[in-house]
Protein backbone atom coordinates (compact mmCIF):
# COMPACT_ATOMS: atom_id res chain seq x y z
CA MET A 1 57.03 49.06 12.49
CA ASP A 2 55.92 49.25 16.08
CA ARG A 3 53.64 46.49 18.25
CA THR A 4 50.64 48.63 17.57
CA GLN A 5 50.76 48.37 13.70
CA ILE A 6 52.04 44.27 14.14
CA GLU A 7 48.81 44.07 15.95
CA ARG A 8 46.50 45.69 13.20
CA ILE A 9 48.08 44.00 10.60
CA VAL A 10 47.27 40.13 12.74
CA ARG A 11 43.79 41.41 13.53
CA GLU A 12 43.21 42.11 9.55
CA VAL A 13 44.50 38.63 8.65
CA VAL A 14 42.24 37.03 11.35
CA SER A 15 39.26 38.68 9.96
CA ALA A 16 39.62 37.78 6.62
CA ASN A 17 40.36 34.42 6.82
CA ALA A 18 36.88 34.49 9.00
CA SER A 19 35.05 35.26 6.32
CA LEU A 20 36.53 32.36 3.97
CA PRO A 21 34.16 29.70 3.19
CA ALA A 22 35.31 26.26 5.09
CA SER A 23 37.76 24.25 3.16
CA PRO A 24 37.16 20.66 2.11
CA LEU A 25 39.13 19.67 5.10
CA ASP A 26 36.54 21.56 7.41
CA ARG A 27 33.84 20.69 5.63
CA ALA A 28 34.51 16.80 5.12
CA GLY A 29 36.05 15.91 8.66
CA THR A 30 38.77 13.46 9.14
CA SER A 31 37.07 10.17 9.10
CA ALA A 32 39.52 7.17 8.40
CA ARG A 33 37.20 4.39 9.51
CA THR A 34 36.80 1.88 6.29
CA THR A 35 34.39 -0.34 8.64
CA GLY A 36 31.90 -0.10 10.91
CA ARG A 37 29.37 -2.60 12.99
CA ALA A 38 25.84 -2.50 12.58
CA ALA A 39 23.34 -4.70 14.39
CA VAL A 40 21.36 -6.53 11.91
CA LEU A 41 17.53 -8.18 11.87
CA THR A 42 18.62 -11.36 9.67
CA SER A 43 15.19 -12.92 10.34
CA LYS A 44 12.51 -12.47 12.66
CA GLU A 45 13.79 -12.79 16.34
CA HIS A 46 17.37 -12.74 15.32
CA LEU A 47 19.86 -9.93 15.51
CA GLU A 48 23.41 -10.40 14.45
CA LEU A 49 26.20 -7.34 14.95
CA ARG A 50 27.93 -7.54 11.69
CA GLU A 51 31.02 -5.43 10.60
CA PHE A 52 30.18 -3.68 6.99
CA PRO A 53 32.77 -1.66 4.61
CA LEU A 54 32.15 2.17 5.18
CA ARG A 55 32.11 3.48 1.91
CA PRO A 56 33.19 7.03 0.89
CA ILE A 57 30.32 9.54 1.26
CA ARG A 58 29.13 11.38 -2.22
CA ARG A 59 28.58 14.95 -2.70
CA ASP A 60 25.30 14.82 -1.42
CA GLU A 61 25.35 12.65 1.46
CA ILE A 62 26.57 13.01 4.90
CA LEU A 63 27.97 10.80 7.47
CA VAL A 64 27.08 10.30 11.03
CA ARG A 65 28.63 8.57 13.70
CA VAL A 66 25.89 7.55 15.59
CA GLU A 67 25.83 8.04 19.52
CA ALA A 68 22.33 6.73 20.76
CA CYS A 69 18.90 5.53 19.82
CA GLY A 70 15.96 4.24 21.78
CA ILE A 71 13.91 1.11 21.26
CA CYS A 72 10.45 1.87 19.69
CA GLY A 73 7.07 -0.23 19.68
CA THR A 74 7.68 -0.73 15.55
CA ASP A 75 11.32 -2.26 16.18
CA ILE A 76 9.74 -4.60 18.63
CA HIS A 77 7.02 -5.86 16.22
CA CYS A 78 9.74 -5.82 13.36
CA TYR A 79 11.84 -8.21 15.58
CA ASN A 80 8.77 -10.24 16.45
CA ASN A 81 7.06 -10.59 12.76
CA ASP A 82 8.88 -8.70 10.28
CA PRO A 83 5.63 -6.98 9.13
CA PHE A 84 7.08 -4.93 6.50
CA ASP A 85 9.08 -7.22 5.08
CA LEU A 86 12.27 -6.05 5.47
CA CYS A 87 14.59 -8.52 6.59
CA PRO A 88 17.33 -8.12 6.19
CA VAL A 89 17.63 -4.56 8.06
CA VAL A 90 19.28 -2.17 10.25
CA LEU A 91 16.42 -1.10 12.68
CA GLY A 92 16.52 2.04 14.99
CA HIS A 93 14.53 5.15 13.85
CA GLU A 94 14.79 7.06 17.41
CA GLY A 95 18.47 7.61 16.94
CA THR A 96 21.20 10.77 16.91
CA GLY A 97 24.22 11.21 16.78
CA GLU A 98 27.41 13.36 15.37
CA VAL A 99 27.89 14.88 11.87
CA LEU A 100 31.41 13.37 10.92
CA GLU A 101 31.79 14.30 7.21
CA VAL A 102 29.59 16.38 5.12
CA GLY A 103 29.22 16.00 0.87
CA GLU A 104 30.44 19.06 -0.91
CA SER A 105 26.64 20.26 -1.91
CA VAL A 106 25.16 20.01 1.36
CA ARG A 107 25.15 23.32 3.27
CA MET A 108 22.38 23.58 5.65
CA ASP A 109 19.59 21.24 7.36
CA SER A 110 15.94 21.19 6.72
CA VAL A 111 15.05 24.60 8.27
CA GLY A 112 18.39 26.30 7.09
CA LYS A 113 20.84 26.07 9.66
CA PRO A 114 24.47 25.40 8.44
CA VAL A 115 25.78 21.89 8.90
CA ARG A 116 29.47 20.98 9.61
CA PRO A 117 31.48 18.34 11.01
CA GLY A 118 30.75 18.11 14.86
CA ASP A 119 26.96 18.94 14.78
CA ARG A 120 24.81 17.01 16.58
CA ILE A 121 21.92 15.77 14.24
CA VAL A 122 18.47 13.81 14.21
CA THR A 123 16.76 12.94 11.44
CA SER A 124 12.67 12.68 10.07
CA ILE A 125 11.14 11.34 7.12
CA LEU A 126 12.74 11.35 3.23
CA GLU A 127 10.97 12.64 0.73
CA THR A 128 8.50 10.80 -1.10
CA SER A 129 8.64 10.09 -4.88
CA ASP A 130 7.28 12.08 -7.35
CA ALA A 131 4.81 9.71 -7.92
CA CYS A 132 2.73 9.86 -4.93
CA MET A 133 -0.18 12.09 -5.85
CA ILE A 134 -1.00 12.77 -1.72
CA ALA A 135 2.11 14.43 -1.39
CA LYS A 136 2.02 16.25 -5.13
CA TYR A 137 -1.67 17.99 -3.99
CA ASN A 138 -1.42 17.95 -0.19
CA PRO A 139 1.98 18.57 0.93
CA LEU A 140 1.35 18.74 4.36
CA LYS A 141 -0.12 15.18 3.83
CA ALA A 142 3.13 13.77 2.98
CA ASN A 143 3.50 11.31 5.83
CA LEU A 144 0.37 9.28 4.42
CA CYS A 145 2.34 8.54 1.27
CA ASP A 146 2.44 4.36 0.42
CA ASP A 147 6.37 4.65 -0.05
CA LEU A 148 6.87 7.02 3.25
CA ARG A 149 10.47 5.88 4.22
CA ILE A 150 12.21 6.70 7.30
CA TYR A 151 15.79 5.51 8.53
CA GLY A 152 15.63 2.44 10.29
CA LEU A 153 12.50 1.19 7.89
CA LEU A 154 14.47 0.99 4.97
CA PRO A 155 16.06 -2.15 3.19
CA ASP A 156 19.02 -3.41 3.25
CA SER A 157 21.40 -2.33 0.20
CA PRO A 158 24.39 -3.68 -1.33
CA ASP A 159 26.53 -0.10 -1.32
CA ASN A 160 25.13 0.88 2.08
CA HIS A 161 24.30 -1.19 5.03
CA PHE A 162 24.38 1.69 7.33
CA ASN A 163 20.29 2.89 7.06
CA GLY A 164 19.48 2.36 10.75
CA TYR A 165 20.63 3.90 13.78
CA PHE A 166 21.57 0.44 15.69
CA GLY A 167 24.82 0.64 14.37
CA GLU A 168 27.84 2.87 14.52
CA TYR A 169 26.79 5.00 11.48
CA LEU A 170 24.30 6.16 9.53
CA ILE A 171 24.47 7.74 6.09
CA ILE A 172 22.03 10.55 5.21
CA ARG A 173 20.88 10.31 1.50
CA PRO A 174 20.01 13.04 -0.89
CA GLY A 175 15.81 13.92 -0.17
CA SER A 176 16.11 13.22 3.94
CA SER A 177 15.40 15.70 6.10
CA PHE A 178 17.52 16.25 9.19
CA PHE A 179 18.07 19.22 12.00
CA VAL A 180 20.97 20.55 13.79
CA VAL A 181 20.13 20.05 17.35
CA ASN A 182 23.55 21.44 19.18
CA ASP A 183 21.83 23.05 22.10
CA LEU A 184 19.69 19.47 23.07
CA SER A 185 21.12 16.98 25.38
CA GLU A 186 21.54 13.60 24.07
CA ASP A 187 18.39 12.38 25.83
CA LEU A 188 16.14 14.93 24.53
CA ARG A 189 17.76 14.09 21.03
CA VAL A 190 16.64 10.57 21.28
CA LEU A 191 13.22 11.88 22.32
CA ILE A 192 12.53 13.67 19.77
CA GLU A 193 11.45 11.24 17.41
CA PRO A 194 8.37 10.31 20.17
CA ALA A 195 7.83 13.28 20.78
CA ALA A 196 6.82 14.16 16.89
CA VAL A 197 4.74 11.39 17.25
CA VAL A 198 2.20 12.99 19.90
CA CYS A 199 2.81 16.45 18.66
CA HIS A 200 1.21 15.41 15.07
CA ALA A 201 -1.36 13.31 17.06
CA LEU A 202 -2.32 16.54 19.08
CA ASP A 203 -2.32 18.67 16.21
CA ARG A 204 -4.95 16.16 14.63
CA ALA A 205 -7.25 16.10 17.83
CA LYS A 206 -7.17 20.17 17.01
CA SER A 207 -7.92 19.58 13.24
CA CYS A 208 -11.13 17.68 14.04
CA GLY A 209 -12.47 20.87 16.19
CA ALA A 210 -12.20 19.14 19.47
CA THR A 211 -11.88 21.91 22.68
CA LEU A 212 -9.05 21.62 23.75
CA ASN A 213 -7.94 24.24 26.71
CA PHE A 214 -7.47 24.55 30.31
CA ARG A 215 -10.75 23.25 31.28
CA THR A 216 -11.15 20.23 28.90
CA ARG A 217 -10.91 16.71 30.90
CA VAL A 218 -8.95 14.08 28.67
CA ILE A 219 -8.28 10.60 28.73
CA VAL A 220 -4.82 9.16 28.10
CA GLN A 221 -5.09 5.25 27.40
CA GLY A 222 -1.76 3.35 27.54
CA CYS A 223 0.87 4.65 29.71
CA GLY A 224 3.91 3.67 27.59
CA PRO A 225 6.49 5.64 26.25
CA ILE A 226 3.95 7.15 23.65
CA GLY A 227 1.09 7.44 26.10
CA LEU A 228 3.56 8.94 28.88
CA MET A 229 5.03 11.29 26.59
CA MET A 230 1.42 12.74 25.20
CA ILE A 231 0.37 12.87 29.11
CA ALA A 232 3.78 15.65 28.90
CA VAL A 233 2.61 17.06 25.67
CA LEU A 234 -0.93 17.72 27.19
CA ARG A 235 0.47 19.15 30.02
CA THR A 236 2.57 21.47 28.60
CA TYR A 237 -0.15 22.12 26.44
CA GLY A 238 -1.77 23.76 28.96
CA ILE A 239 -4.49 20.68 30.11
CA ASN A 240 -5.32 20.75 33.51
CA THR A 241 -7.35 17.79 33.81
CA ILE A 242 -5.29 14.35 32.63
CA ILE A 243 -6.71 11.20 33.63
CA ALA A 244 -4.54 8.29 32.55
CA ILE A 245 -5.73 4.57 31.91
CA ASP A 246 -3.19 1.32 32.11
CA GLY A 247 -2.83 -1.76 34.05
CA ASN A 248 0.99 -1.31 35.15
CA PRO A 249 1.35 0.86 38.30
CA ALA A 250 4.65 1.73 37.92
CA ARG A 251 3.73 3.19 34.79
CA LEU A 252 0.89 4.94 36.68
CA GLU A 253 3.46 6.51 38.90
CA TRP A 254 5.21 7.84 35.98
CA ALA A 255 2.02 9.01 34.15
CA GLN A 256 1.54 11.41 37.67
CA ARG A 257 5.09 12.67 37.43
CA LEU A 258 4.51 13.97 33.78
CA GLY A 259 0.78 15.61 34.33
CA ALA A 260 -1.42 13.26 34.99
CA ASP A 261 -3.96 14.48 37.57
CA HIS A 262 -5.82 11.05 37.75
CA THR A 263 -5.03 7.73 37.62
CA ILE A 264 -6.80 4.58 36.69
CA ASN A 265 -5.73 1.16 36.80
CA TYR A 266 -8.03 -1.19 34.69
CA LYS A 267 -7.42 -4.23 36.24
CA ASP A 268 -8.79 -3.03 39.00
CA HIS A 269 -12.31 -2.52 38.02
CA SER A 270 -14.63 -5.50 36.56
CA GLY A 271 -14.86 -4.16 32.71
CA PRO A 272 -14.90 -1.20 30.67
CA GLU A 273 -18.08 -0.09 32.14
CA ASP A 274 -16.75 0.12 35.33
CA VAL A 275 -13.60 1.96 34.12
CA ALA A 276 -16.11 4.24 32.38
CA ALA A 277 -18.13 4.66 35.95
CA ALA A 278 -14.44 5.63 37.66
CA VAL A 279 -13.69 8.49 34.85
CA GLY A 280 -17.42 9.52 35.13
CA ARG A 281 -16.36 10.28 39.24
CA VAL A 282 -13.92 13.12 37.87
CA THR A 283 -15.81 14.25 35.34
CA LYS A 284 -19.12 15.32 36.99
CA GLY A 285 -20.67 11.97 35.37
CA LEU A 286 -20.02 13.30 31.99
CA GLY A 287 -17.06 11.68 30.76
CA ALA A 288 -14.07 13.10 29.37
CA HIS A 289 -14.44 16.06 26.29
CA PHE A 290 -11.68 14.10 24.65
CA ALA A 291 -9.28 10.73 24.86
CA PHE A 292 -5.76 9.67 23.19
CA GLN A 293 -5.78 6.01 22.63
CA ALA A 294 -2.13 4.67 22.85
CA THR A 295 -2.27 0.95 23.73
CA GLY A 296 -1.99 -0.47 20.14
CA VAL A 297 -4.66 -3.21 21.16
CA PRO A 298 -7.66 -2.67 19.06
CA GLN A 299 -10.26 -3.64 22.00
CA ALA A 300 -9.24 -1.51 24.20
CA THR A 301 -10.27 1.57 21.43
CA ALA A 302 -14.12 0.28 21.49
CA ASN A 303 -14.00 0.14 25.07
CA LEU A 304 -12.61 3.97 25.56
CA ILE A 305 -15.93 4.78 23.85
CA GLN A 306 -17.64 4.35 26.92
CA SER A 307 -15.51 6.57 29.04
CA VAL A 308 -15.96 9.69 26.58
CA ARG A 309 -19.09 11.95 26.72
CA ARG A 310 -21.48 12.83 24.17
CA GLY A 311 -20.32 14.95 21.88
CA GLY A 312 -16.44 14.06 22.65
CA GLY A 313 -12.93 12.50 20.11
CA ILE A 314 -11.11 10.24 20.13
CA CYS A 315 -7.35 10.20 18.99
CA GLU A 316 -6.38 6.79 17.73
CA LEU A 317 -2.64 6.54 17.81
CA GLY A 318 -1.70 3.25 19.16
CA HIS A 319 -1.81 1.03 15.75
CA PHE A 320 1.25 1.50 13.77
CA VAL A 321 0.87 -2.35 12.54
CA ASP A 322 -2.24 -4.36 11.72
CA GLY A 323 -3.52 -5.51 15.11
CA GLY A 324 -6.76 -7.13 14.00
CA SER A 325 -10.37 -5.60 14.51
CA ALA A 326 -12.56 -4.53 17.17
CA PRO A 327 -16.44 -4.40 17.52
CA PHE A 328 -18.22 -0.77 17.04
CA ASN A 329 -22.07 -0.38 17.54
CA PRO A 330 -22.31 2.44 14.67
CA HIS A 331 -25.62 3.61 16.75
CA LEU A 332 -24.63 3.48 20.29
CA ASP A 333 -20.90 4.54 19.69
CA PHE A 334 -21.08 7.13 17.32
CA CYS A 335 -24.29 8.38 15.56
CA LYS A 336 -26.34 8.92 18.80
CA LYS A 337 -23.11 10.56 21.04
CA GLU A 338 -21.54 12.16 17.88
CA ILE A 339 -18.38 10.81 18.68
CA THR A 340 -15.38 12.21 16.47
CA LEU A 341 -12.90 9.23 15.76
CA ILE A 342 -9.50 10.55 14.21
CA GLY A 343 -6.53 8.55 13.57
CA SER A 344 -3.21 9.55 13.96
CA TRP A 345 -0.18 8.37 11.70
CA ALA A 346 3.50 8.87 12.13
CA TYR A 347 4.49 12.80 11.61
CA ASN A 348 5.86 15.10 8.77
CA SER A 349 9.28 16.46 8.71
CA TRP A 350 8.13 19.97 9.47
CA GLU A 351 6.62 18.76 12.83
CA TYR A 352 10.03 17.98 14.30
CA PRO A 353 10.68 21.53 14.91
CA ASN A 354 7.58 21.92 17.20
CA ALA A 355 8.66 18.46 18.99
CA TYR A 356 12.03 20.45 19.15
CA HIS A 357 10.45 23.49 21.14
CA PHE A 358 7.85 21.18 23.43
CA LEU A 359 10.89 18.94 24.91
CA ASP A 360 12.60 22.49 25.54
CA ARG A 361 9.19 23.62 27.65
CA ALA A 362 8.71 20.45 28.88
CA GLU A 363 12.18 20.64 30.67
CA LYS A 364 11.76 24.56 31.85
CA ILE A 365 8.15 23.64 33.65
CA GLY A 366 9.87 20.88 35.24
CA LEU A 367 8.48 17.60 33.52
CA PRO A 368 10.98 14.63 33.81
CA VAL A 369 10.94 13.42 30.24
CA THR A 370 14.32 12.52 30.04
CA GLY A 371 13.54 9.92 33.08
CA LEU A 372 11.68 8.03 30.60
CA ILE A 373 14.92 6.53 29.65
CA THR A 374 15.48 3.65 31.88
CA HIS A 375 18.07 1.67 30.48
CA ARG A 376 21.27 1.88 28.60
CA PHE A 377 22.72 -0.94 26.94
CA PRO A 378 25.95 -0.58 24.40
CA LEU A 379 25.68 -2.25 21.10
CA GLU A 380 27.13 -5.22 21.78
CA LYS A 381 24.56 -5.98 24.38
CA ILE A 382 21.47 -4.76 21.77
CA GLN A 383 19.63 -8.56 22.50
CA ASP A 384 19.90 -7.71 25.99
CA ALA A 385 18.58 -4.24 25.01
CA PHE A 386 15.60 -6.11 23.08
CA ASP A 387 14.84 -8.74 25.55
CA THR A 388 14.38 -6.05 28.37
CA ALA A 389 11.88 -4.22 25.86
CA LEU A 390 10.15 -7.32 25.30
CA ARG A 391 9.60 -8.17 28.94
CA GLN A 392 8.03 -4.47 29.17
CA GLU A 393 10.32 -3.54 31.99
CA GLY A 394 11.48 0.24 32.39
CA ILE A 395 10.17 2.61 29.72
CA LYS A 396 12.55 3.75 27.27
CA ILE A 397 15.59 1.19 26.44
CA VAL A 398 17.92 2.98 24.78
CA VAL A 399 21.15 1.39 22.59
CA LYS A 400 24.34 3.20 22.84
CA THR A 401 27.42 3.10 20.50
């Protein structure tokens, strides 16, 4: 047998092996850990780093080694007040990680990509129950189900304490939406969840008939992480005139970097009428066509109406917990101006691919979205991370494991 024949046989064997399905070892990975740490919110304002048993995954589950997770405003509300009555709970839903093990019945992610050990993933919402009439009759509104579930906002369970990203591991349950995003950097993967929030808000605004195009003048009030991300998605979408309103000069500077054309520090003005006058000076005296309200302060929504022109609209996306009420005048604020007020609640799983493409496009046009991540802390320093977020230092605070 000559060398040419040997090489041909080797090529045939290699080709045949490449077409075989992955072996159980290939799909299962090689994780040998039997315990893992997680930061548990045991009660209001009390985090504990605990060690838990790491049970073997089941055939329809995925084991993920957590790499990083951002601290969301919802995490802060949970830390301060436990509004959803979840304690004890492992928080963290703006997370990403590496797949370690894949259950034998799991083959692909929520858009049909194969999933294997070593892949980087992000997760979205879990399937709602069959009893939910909203999801049954309108699947595109599954985000409005009373039993909406998201990792990091799931109650603890006796056999699985790894339900949030503020831990070393996450066990992805059956019925979860998740996405393989190997081509995104870790920072972009951490930002994909808040990006889905603002992409959903943009779609909500369009659904109410709002005219959003190159000539539309749009306000974003509140330049925290969500407001700044909202500015970036509007700029990426093609809005040319964006007006940012906030009381923090550093955040207004970031608003300009992400696409705001005008900034207004409300602390430099005597009240809502004075702020509206400042808006009028950059909108031909008419006010904004549309506004996105992202402060989480009820009175701010009432004030914002004065800065929106007749026939305009407002999307409220800043209230994920009950912050109280705000006074409105139905005649002056709504009827006479024909204002459209629309709410935006979280997102649906199918909006994650949209958020992925937004982040990809934002980077390509030079928007420094990853610069929103200003602080990084190891899991051991998660209390310091929360304290930094509570002091409103920086913008997006990330916990790394």
